[in-house]
C-alpha atoms as a PDB file:
ATOM      1  CA  MET A   1     123.789 -17.498  43.938  1.00  0.00           C
ATOM      2  CA  LYS A   2     123.769 -14.333  41.905  1.00  0.00           C
ATOM      3  CA  ARG A   3     124.446 -11.167  43.760  1.00  0.00           C
ATOM      4  CA  GLU A   4     122.161  -8.199  42.969  1.00  0.00           C
ATOM      5  CA  LEU A   5     123.849  -5.064  41.719  1.00  0.00           C
ATOM      6  CA  LEU A   6     121.432  -2.681  43.461  1.00  0.00           C
ATOM      7  CA  THR A   7     120.506  -3.337  47.041  1.00  0.00           C
ATOM      8  CA  PHE A   8     117.161  -2.289  48.485  1.00  0.00           C
ATOM      9  CA  PRO A   9     118.451   0.857  50.260  1.00  0.00           C
ATOM     10  CA  LEU A  10     120.177   2.004  47.065  1.00  0.00           C
ATOM     11  CA  ARG A  11     117.018   1.428  44.988  1.00  0.00           C
ATOM     12  CA  ARG A  12     114.966   3.337  47.536  1.00  0.00           C
ATOM     13  CA  THR A  13     117.416   6.271  47.474  1.00  0.00           C
ATOM     14  CA  ILE A  14     117.396   6.434  43.654  1.00  0.00           C
ATOM     15  CA  PHE A  15     113.594   6.303  43.665  1.00  0.00           C
ATOM     16  CA  LEU A  16     113.333   9.143  46.193  1.00  0.00           C
ATOM     17  CA  VAL A  17     115.810  11.309  44.249  1.00  0.00           C
ATOM     18  CA  LEU A  18     113.882  10.774  41.003  1.00  0.00           C
ATOM     19  CA  LEU A  19     110.598  11.504  42.770  1.00  0.00           C
ATOM     20  CA  ALA A  20     112.006  14.752  44.215  1.00  0.00           C
ATOM     21  CA  CYS A  21     113.216  15.831  40.753  1.00  0.00           C
ATOM     22  CA  LEU A  22     109.816  15.079  39.249  1.00  0.00           C
ATOM     23  CA  LEU A  23     107.986  17.037  41.944  1.00  0.00           C
ATOM     24  CA  GLN A  24     110.301  20.009  41.537  1.00  0.00           C
ATOM     25  CA  ALA A  25     109.807  20.021  37.770  1.00  0.00           C
ATOM     26  CA  ALA A  26     106.027  19.824  38.187  1.00  0.00           C
ATOM     27  CA  SER A  27     105.951  22.650  40.725  1.00  0.00           C
ATOM     28  CA  SER A  28     108.016  24.932  38.467  1.00  0.00           C
ATOM     29  CA  CYS A  29     105.461  24.442  35.681  1.00  0.00           C
ATOM     30  CA  VAL A  30     102.605  25.424  37.989  1.00  0.00           C
ATOM     31  CA  GLN A  31     104.145  28.584  39.425  1.00  0.00           C
ATOM     32  CA  THR A  32     103.017  31.845  37.869  1.00  0.00           C
ATOM     33  CA  SER A  33     105.289  34.717  37.040  1.00  0.00           C
ATOM     34  CA  SER A  34     104.917  37.517  39.575  1.00  0.00           C
ATOM     35  CA  THR A  35     106.645  40.031  37.279  1.00  0.00           C
ATOM     36  CA  ASP A  36     103.754  40.135  34.760  1.00  0.00           C
ATOM     37  CA  PRO A  37     100.456  39.630  36.570  1.00  0.00           C
ATOM     38  CA  GLN A  38      97.348  39.453  34.397  1.00  0.00           C
ATOM     39  CA  PRO A  39      94.727  41.943  35.547  1.00  0.00           C
ATOM     40  CA  GLU A  40      91.340  40.399  36.172  1.00  0.00           C
ATOM     41  CA  ILE A  41      88.783  42.041  33.937  1.00  0.00           C
ATOM     42  CA  PRO A  42      85.113  41.708  34.810  1.00  0.00           C
ATOM     43  CA  GLU A  43      83.155  39.963  32.048  1.00  0.00           C
ATOM     44  CA  ALA A  44      81.335  42.997  30.668  1.00  0.00           C
ATOM     45  CA  GLU A  45      83.620  45.877  31.665  1.00  0.00           C
ATOM     46  CA  GLY A  46      84.805  47.796  28.611  1.00  0.00           C
ATOM     47  CA  ARG A  47      83.352  45.252  26.201  1.00  0.00           C
ATOM     48  CA  THR A  48      80.761  45.653  23.499  1.00  0.00           C
ATOM     49  CA  ASP A  49      77.554  43.751  24.219  1.00  0.00           C
ATOM     50  CA  ILE A  50      76.642  42.154  20.888  1.00  0.00           C
ATOM     51  CA  ASN A  51      73.031  41.818  22.062  1.00  0.00           C
ATOM     52  CA  ALA A  52      72.594  45.540  22.711  1.00  0.00           C
ATOM     53  CA  ALA A  53      75.123  47.270  20.448  1.00  0.00           C
ATOM     54  CA  SER A  54      74.038  49.504  17.603  1.00  0.00           C
ATOM     55  CA  VAL A  55      75.330  49.196  14.047  1.00  0.00           C
ATOM     56  CA  GLU A  56      77.810  52.000  14.747  1.00  0.00           C
ATOM     57  CA  GLU A  57      79.145  50.317  17.893  1.00  0.00           C
ATOM     58  CA  LEU A  58      79.520  46.976  16.122  1.00  0.00           C
ATOM     59  CA  ALA A  59      81.239  48.613  13.138  1.00  0.00           C
ATOM     60  CA  ALA A  60      83.907  49.941  15.529  1.00  0.00           C
ATOM     61  CA  LEU A  61      85.066  46.394  16.283  1.00  0.00           C
ATOM     62  CA  PRO A  62      88.177  45.142  14.435  1.00  0.00           C
ATOM     63  CA  GLY A  63      87.342  43.517  11.107  1.00  0.00           C
ATOM     64  CA  ILE A  64      83.684  44.565  11.216  1.00  0.00           C
ATOM     65  CA  GLY A  65      82.466  47.108   8.732  1.00  0.00           C
ATOM     66  CA  GLU A  66      79.053  48.692   8.448  1.00  0.00           C
ATOM     67  CA  ALA A  67      77.693  45.947   6.180  1.00  0.00           C
ATOM     68  CA  THR A  68      78.733  43.156   8.559  1.00  0.00           C
ATOM     69  CA  ALA A  69      77.415  45.129  11.526  1.00  0.00           C
ATOM     70  CA  ARG A  70      74.033  45.335   9.781  1.00  0.00           C
ATOM     71  CA  LYS A  71      74.116  41.554   9.261  1.00  0.00           C
ATOM     72  CA  ILE A  72      74.781  41.055  12.982  1.00  0.00           C
ATOM     73  CA  VAL A  73      71.792  43.240  13.902  1.00  0.00           C
ATOM     74  CA  ALA A  74      69.597  41.507  11.314  1.00  0.00           C
ATOM     75  CA  HIS A  75      70.623  38.078  12.653  1.00  0.00           C
ATOM     76  CA  ARG A  76      69.820  39.254  16.185  1.00  0.00           C
ATOM     77  CA  GLN A  77      66.389  40.505  15.099  1.00  0.00           C
ATOM     78  CA  THR A  78      65.602  37.324  13.157  1.00  0.00           C
ATOM     79  CA  PHE A  79      66.855  34.670  15.572  1.00  0.00           C
ATOM     80  CA  GLY A  80      66.903  36.513  18.897  1.00  0.00           C
ATOM     81  CA  GLU A  81      69.768  37.469  21.135  1.00  0.00           C
ATOM     82  CA  PHE A  82      73.077  35.610  21.078  1.00  0.00           C
ATOM     83  CA  ARG A  83      73.406  33.187  23.989  1.00  0.00           C
ATOM     84  CA  ARG A  84      77.193  33.130  23.765  1.00  0.00           C
ATOM     85  CA  LYS A  85      79.631  35.395  22.013  1.00  0.00           C
ATOM     86  CA  GLU A  86      80.884  32.414  19.972  1.00  0.00           C
ATOM     87  CA  HIS A  87      77.481  32.300  18.272  1.00  0.00           C
ATOM     88  CA  LEU A  88      78.575  35.378  16.354  1.00  0.00           C
ATOM     89  CA  LEU A  89      80.260  32.894  14.007  1.00  0.00           C
ATOM     90  CA  LEU A  90      76.774  31.999  12.727  1.00  0.00           C
ATOM     91  CA  VAL A  91      76.485  35.412  11.086  1.00  0.00           C
ATOM     92  CA  GLU A  92      77.403  35.501   7.416  1.00  0.00           C
ATOM     93  CA  GLY A  93      80.644  37.441   6.978  1.00  0.00           C
ATOM     94  CA  ILE A  94      82.115  36.591  10.402  1.00  0.00           C
ATOM     95  CA  SER A  95      85.045  34.266   9.868  1.00  0.00           C
ATOM     96  CA  GLU A  96      86.971  32.548  12.621  1.00  0.00           C
ATOM     97  CA  LYS A  97      89.835  34.965  12.018  1.00  0.00           C
ATOM     98  CA  LYS A  98      87.562  37.994  12.492  1.00  0.00           C
ATOM     99  CA  TYR A  99      86.006  36.446  15.582  1.00  0.00           C
ATOM    100  CA  LEU A 100      89.412  35.746  17.154  1.00  0.00           C
ATOM    101  CA  ALA A 101      90.432  39.373  16.560  1.00  0.00           C
ATOM    102  CA  MET A 102      87.444  40.686  18.523  1.00  0.00           C
ATOM    103  CA  ARG A 103      86.563  37.957  21.036  1.00  0.00           C
ATOM    104  CA  ASP A 104      88.227  39.747  23.957  1.00  0.00           C
ATOM    105  CA  LEU A 105      86.368  42.963  23.109  1.00  0.00           C
ATOM    106  CA  ILE A 106      82.822  41.576  23.075  1.00  0.00           C
ATOM    107  CA  THR A 107      80.329  39.945  25.394  1.00  0.00           C
ATOM    108  CA  ALA A 108      76.871  38.467  24.957  1.00  0.00           C
ATOM    109  CA  GLY A 109      74.890  40.129  27.709  1.00  0.00           C
ATOM    110  CA  PRO A 110      71.945  38.514  29.446  1.00  0.00           C
ATOM    111  CA  LYS A 111      68.557  38.475  27.811  1.00  0.00           C
ATOM    112  CA  ARG A 112      66.529  41.514  28.737  1.00  0.00           C
ATOM    113  CA  GLY A 113      63.079  40.365  27.651  1.00  0.00           C
ATOM    114  CA  ALA A 114      60.671  37.813  29.038  1.00  0.00           C
ATOM    115  CA  ALA A 115      61.749  34.234  29.542  1.00  0.00           C
ATOM    116  CA  HIS A 116      62.447  32.234  26.408  1.00  0.00           C
ATOM    117  CA  ARG A 117      59.240  31.379  24.590  1.00  0.00           C
ATOM    118  CA  GLU A 118      58.955  28.840  21.816  1.00  0.00           C
ATOM    119  CA  PRO A 119      57.339  30.046  18.592  1.00  0.00           C
ATOM    120  CA  GLU A 120      53.676  29.125  18.155  1.00  0.00           C
ATOM    121  CA  GLY A 121      53.189  25.628  16.815  1.00  0.00           C
ATOM    122  CA  HIS A 122      56.613  24.504  18.089  1.00  0.00           C
ATOM    123  CA  SER A 123      55.705  23.371  21.570  1.00  0.00           C
ATOM    124  CA  SER A 124      57.646  20.468  23.021  1.00  0.00           C
ATOM    125  CA  ARG A 125      54.526  19.355  24.911  1.00  0.00           C
ATOM    126  CA  GLY A 126      52.088  16.833  23.500  1.00  0.00           C
ATOM    127  CA  THR A 127      48.318  17.236  23.308  1.00  0.00           C
ATOM    128  CA  ASN A 128      47.837  15.762  26.776  1.00  0.00           C
ATOM    129  CA  GLY A 129      50.392  18.150  28.349  1.00  0.00           C
ATOM    130  CA  SER A 130      53.206  15.632  28.684  1.00  0.00           C
ATOM    131  CA  ARG A 131      56.581  16.134  27.037  1.00  0.00           C
ATOM    132  CA  ASN A 132      57.164  14.470  23.698  1.00  0.00           C
ATOM    133  CA  LYS A 133      59.907  11.871  23.814  1.00  0.00           C
ATOM    134  CA  ASP A 134      60.867  12.274  20.155  1.00  0.00           C
ATOM    135  CA  PRO A 135      61.890  15.775  19.011  1.00  0.00           C
END
């Protein structure tokens, strides 16, 4: 008969010690530093609303000149208000680098007009009033 090197109580003790070490390591990763708390900033406070800003206000953002600000306003007038601030990347002249430089300074405010209306001739309803299954 071969004698086992580790008996059950010893295996259980090693397991519990390893489990305690793992839990301690996990809890230290979750704890936040109390020396440098991040202030909570309301979504729109101190930010430029890209759906309401004028050319001058947009031109004040980092990396945005007057020409790019005009493109933003033109895009807004052509396609409607931005649903999300990330949609600013659809404007010609806004690179990912420019967007990243200003993303914490902007917001895409709520729509101020009537509810979203589809352009004429682009209804998603069929002739009998039911929704089309194919877009």
